Amino acid sequence: MTNDVAVYDAMRPGPANGDDPWLDRMGTRKAIVRDGLTIVPRSLAFCPHEWIDENGYVNLKLVQQSPRPFSV
């Protein structure tokens, strides 16, 4: 797994009632924190580093072109 990158589901912090909406986006911990988002608990996955875009998020177009699935 030396070429794989840990990615997480991102969510926008919600109101005080704890309703945090999932953004349908996966990215590196650094990108998610940088953008003021939070990580969905227990959402760790690994993907090839080639699938990560310049912003630190998974590029779904590249994922769809590859037969390699995510691994948990």
N, C-alpha and C. Protein backbone atom coordinates (compact mmCIF):
# COMPACT_ATOMS: atom_id res chain seq x y z
N MET A 1 0.81 -1.19 0.00
CA MET A 1 0.00 0.00 0.00
C MET A 1 0.86 1.26 0.00
N THR A 2 2.06 1.18 -0.46
CA THR A 2 2.93 2.35 -0.42
C THR A 2 2.46 3.46 -1.35
N ASN A 3 1.75 3.14 -2.42
CA ASN A 3 1.25 4.15 -3.34
C ASN A 3 -0.18 4.57 -3.04
N ASP A 4 -0.78 3.97 -2.03
CA ASP A 4 -2.15 4.31 -1.69
C ASP A 4 -2.20 5.47 -0.70
N VAL A 5 -3.27 6.25 -0.80
CA VAL A 5 -3.46 7.42 0.04
C VAL A 5 -4.71 7.21 0.89
N ALA A 6 -4.62 7.56 2.16
CA ALA A 6 -5.79 7.49 3.03
C ALA A 6 -6.71 8.66 2.70
N VAL A 7 -7.99 8.35 2.47
CA VAL A 7 -9.00 9.38 2.19
C VAL A 7 -10.20 9.15 3.09
N TYR A 8 -10.97 10.21 3.28
CA TYR A 8 -12.12 10.19 4.19
C TYR A 8 -13.29 10.90 3.53
N ASP A 9 -14.51 10.55 3.96
CA ASP A 9 -15.69 11.29 3.54
C ASP A 9 -15.69 12.63 4.25
N ALA A 10 -16.09 13.67 3.54
CA ALA A 10 -16.14 15.01 4.12
C ALA A 10 -17.58 15.41 4.39
N MET A 11 -17.76 16.17 5.47
CA MET A 11 -19.08 16.71 5.76
C MET A 11 -18.93 18.14 6.26
N ARG A 12 -19.94 18.92 6.02
CA ARG A 12 -19.96 20.31 6.46
C ARG A 12 -20.50 20.34 7.88
N PRO A 13 -19.79 21.02 8.77
CA PRO A 13 -20.30 21.11 10.14
C PRO A 13 -21.70 21.73 10.14
N GLY A 14 -22.63 21.05 10.78
CA GLY A 14 -24.01 21.51 10.80
C GLY A 14 -24.32 22.39 11.99
N PRO A 15 -25.58 22.70 12.18
CA PRO A 15 -25.99 23.51 13.33
C PRO A 15 -25.77 22.75 14.64
N ALA A 16 -26.09 23.41 15.72
CA ALA A 16 -25.85 22.85 17.05
C ALA A 16 -26.57 21.53 17.30
N ASN A 17 -27.57 21.20 16.51
CA ASN A 17 -28.31 19.95 16.74
C ASN A 17 -27.54 18.72 16.26
N GLY A 18 -26.35 18.94 15.70
CA GLY A 18 -25.51 17.82 15.29
C GLY A 18 -25.83 17.26 13.92
N ASP A 19 -26.61 17.95 13.14
CA ASP A 19 -26.98 17.49 11.80
C ASP A 19 -25.89 17.92 10.81
N ASP A 20 -24.90 17.05 10.61
CA ASP A 20 -23.79 17.34 9.71
C ASP A 20 -24.05 16.69 8.36
N PRO A 21 -24.34 17.49 7.32
CA PRO A 21 -24.63 16.91 6.01
C PRO A 21 -23.38 16.39 5.32
N TRP A 22 -23.49 15.18 4.80
CA TRP A 22 -22.40 14.58 4.03
C TRP A 22 -22.34 15.28 2.69
N LEU A 23 -21.14 15.54 2.18
CA LEU A 23 -20.97 16.30 0.94
C LEU A 23 -20.79 15.44 -0.30
N ASP A 24 -20.84 14.12 -0.17
CA ASP A 24 -20.63 13.24 -1.30
C ASP A 24 -19.25 13.49 -1.92
N ARG A 25 -18.26 13.66 -1.03
CA ARG A 25 -16.90 13.97 -1.43
C ARG A 25 -15.92 13.26 -0.54
N MET A 26 -14.84 12.77 -1.12
CA MET A 26 -13.78 12.14 -0.33
C MET A 26 -12.49 12.90 -0.59
N GLY A 27 -11.69 13.03 0.47
CA GLY A 27 -10.42 13.72 0.31
C GLY A 27 -9.44 13.35 1.39
N THR A 28 -8.26 13.92 1.30
CA THR A 28 -7.24 13.68 2.31
C THR A 28 -7.61 14.45 3.58
N ARG A 29 -7.09 14.00 4.68
CA ARG A 29 -7.35 14.67 5.96
C ARG A 29 -6.93 16.14 5.86
N LYS A 30 -5.76 16.40 5.26
CA LYS A 30 -5.25 17.77 5.15
C LYS A 30 -6.21 18.67 4.36
N ALA A 31 -6.74 18.18 3.25
CA ALA A 31 -7.66 18.98 2.42
C ALA A 31 -8.97 19.26 3.15
N ILE A 32 -9.50 18.26 3.81
CA ILE A 32 -10.77 18.41 4.51
C ILE A 32 -10.65 19.44 5.63
N VAL A 33 -9.60 19.34 6.42
CA VAL A 33 -9.38 20.29 7.52
C VAL A 33 -9.12 21.68 6.97
N ARG A 34 -8.30 21.78 5.92
CA ARG A 34 -7.97 23.07 5.31
C ARG A 34 -9.23 23.81 4.86
N ASP A 35 -10.21 23.07 4.33
CA ASP A 35 -11.43 23.67 3.81
C ASP A 35 -12.50 23.88 4.88
N GLY A 36 -12.16 23.65 6.13
CA GLY A 36 -13.11 23.90 7.22
C GLY A 36 -14.20 22.85 7.33
N LEU A 37 -13.96 21.67 6.77
CA LEU A 37 -14.94 20.59 6.83
C LEU A 37 -14.54 19.63 7.94
N THR A 38 -15.39 18.64 8.19
CA THR A 38 -15.06 17.62 9.17
C THR A 38 -15.09 16.25 8.50
N ILE A 39 -14.45 15.31 9.14
CA ILE A 39 -14.34 13.95 8.61
C ILE A 39 -15.48 13.11 9.16
N VAL A 40 -16.12 12.34 8.29
CA VAL A 40 -17.16 11.41 8.71
C VAL A 40 -16.49 10.29 9.51
N PRO A 41 -16.94 10.06 10.74
CA PRO A 41 -16.33 9.00 11.55
C PRO A 41 -16.38 7.64 10.84
N ARG A 42 -15.34 6.89 10.97
CA ARG A 42 -15.21 5.54 10.39
C ARG A 42 -15.35 5.52 8.88
N SER A 43 -14.87 6.56 8.20
CA SER A 43 -14.99 6.59 6.74
C SER A 43 -13.67 6.37 6.03
N LEU A 44 -12.68 5.85 6.71
CA LEU A 44 -11.36 5.66 6.13
C LEU A 44 -11.41 4.70 4.94
N ALA A 45 -10.79 5.12 3.85
CA ALA A 45 -10.63 4.28 2.67
C ALA A 45 -9.25 4.60 2.09
N PHE A 46 -8.79 3.78 1.17
CA PHE A 46 -7.51 4.01 0.52
C PHE A 46 -7.73 4.03 -0.99
N CYS A 47 -7.01 4.91 -1.66
CA CYS A 47 -7.09 4.95 -3.12
C CYS A 47 -5.71 5.27 -3.67
N PRO A 48 -5.47 4.95 -4.94
CA PRO A 48 -4.19 5.27 -5.56
C PRO A 48 -3.94 6.77 -5.55
N HIS A 49 -2.70 7.17 -5.36
CA HIS A 49 -2.39 8.59 -5.30
C HIS A 49 -2.70 9.31 -6.61
N GLU A 50 -2.76 8.58 -7.70
CA GLU A 50 -3.09 9.19 -9.00
C GLU A 50 -4.53 9.70 -9.05
N TRP A 51 -5.38 9.21 -8.19
CA TRP A 51 -6.79 9.62 -8.17
C TRP A 51 -7.01 10.92 -7.41
N ILE A 52 -6.00 11.42 -6.71
CA ILE A 52 -6.14 12.64 -5.91
C ILE A 52 -5.85 13.85 -6.79
N ASP A 53 -6.78 14.81 -6.80
CA ASP A 53 -6.57 16.01 -7.62
C ASP A 53 -5.69 17.02 -6.89
N GLU A 54 -5.44 18.15 -7.54
CA GLU A 54 -4.54 19.16 -6.98
C GLU A 54 -5.08 19.80 -5.69
N ASN A 55 -6.37 19.64 -5.43
CA ASN A 55 -6.97 20.19 -4.21
C ASN A 55 -7.00 19.20 -3.05
N GLY A 56 -6.59 17.95 -3.32
CA GLY A 56 -6.56 16.95 -2.26
C GLY A 56 -7.79 16.08 -2.17
N TYR A 57 -8.65 16.16 -3.17
CA TYR A 57 -9.88 15.36 -3.18
C TYR A 57 -9.83 14.29 -4.26
N VAL A 58 -10.62 13.23 -4.08
CA VAL A 58 -10.68 12.14 -5.04
C VAL A 58 -11.38 12.64 -6.31
N ASN A 59 -10.75 12.44 -7.45
CA ASN A 59 -11.31 12.81 -8.75
C ASN A 59 -12.16 11.63 -9.24
N LEU A 60 -13.46 11.78 -9.20
CA LEU A 60 -14.36 10.67 -9.54
C LEU A 60 -14.25 10.24 -11.00
N LYS A 61 -13.88 11.13 -11.89
CA LYS A 61 -13.71 10.75 -13.30
C LYS A 61 -12.58 9.74 -13.45
N LEU A 62 -11.49 9.95 -12.71
CA LEU A 62 -10.39 9.00 -12.75
C LEU A 62 -10.77 7.67 -12.11
N VAL A 63 -11.55 7.72 -11.05
CA VAL A 63 -12.01 6.50 -10.39
C VAL A 63 -12.85 5.67 -11.35
N GLN A 64 -13.75 6.32 -12.07
CA GLN A 64 -14.65 5.60 -12.98
C GLN A 64 -13.92 4.98 -14.15
N GLN A 65 -12.75 5.51 -14.51
CA GLN A 65 -11.98 4.97 -15.62
C GLN A 65 -11.13 3.78 -15.22
N SER A 66 -11.03 3.51 -13.95
CA SER A 66 -10.15 2.44 -13.46
C SER A 66 -10.96 1.26 -12.93
N PRO A 67 -10.45 0.06 -13.16
CA PRO A 67 -11.12 -1.13 -12.62
C PRO A 67 -10.77 -1.38 -11.16
N ARG A 68 -9.85 -0.60 -10.58
CA ARG A 68 -9.43 -0.81 -9.19
C ARG A 68 -10.48 -0.25 -8.24
N PRO A 69 -10.99 -1.06 -7.32
CA PRO A 69 -11.95 -0.55 -6.34
C PRO A 69 -11.23 0.07 -5.14
N PHE A 70 -11.97 0.84 -4.36
CA PHE A 70 -11.45 1.33 -3.09
C PHE A 70 -11.24 0.16 -2.16
N SER A 71 -10.33 0.28 -1.23
CA SER A 71 -10.17 -0.74 -0.19
C SER A 71 -10.36 -0.08 1.16
N VAL A 72 -11.02 -0.81 2.04
CA VAL A 72 -11.29 -0.29 3.37
C VAL A 72 -10.42 -0.99 4.38
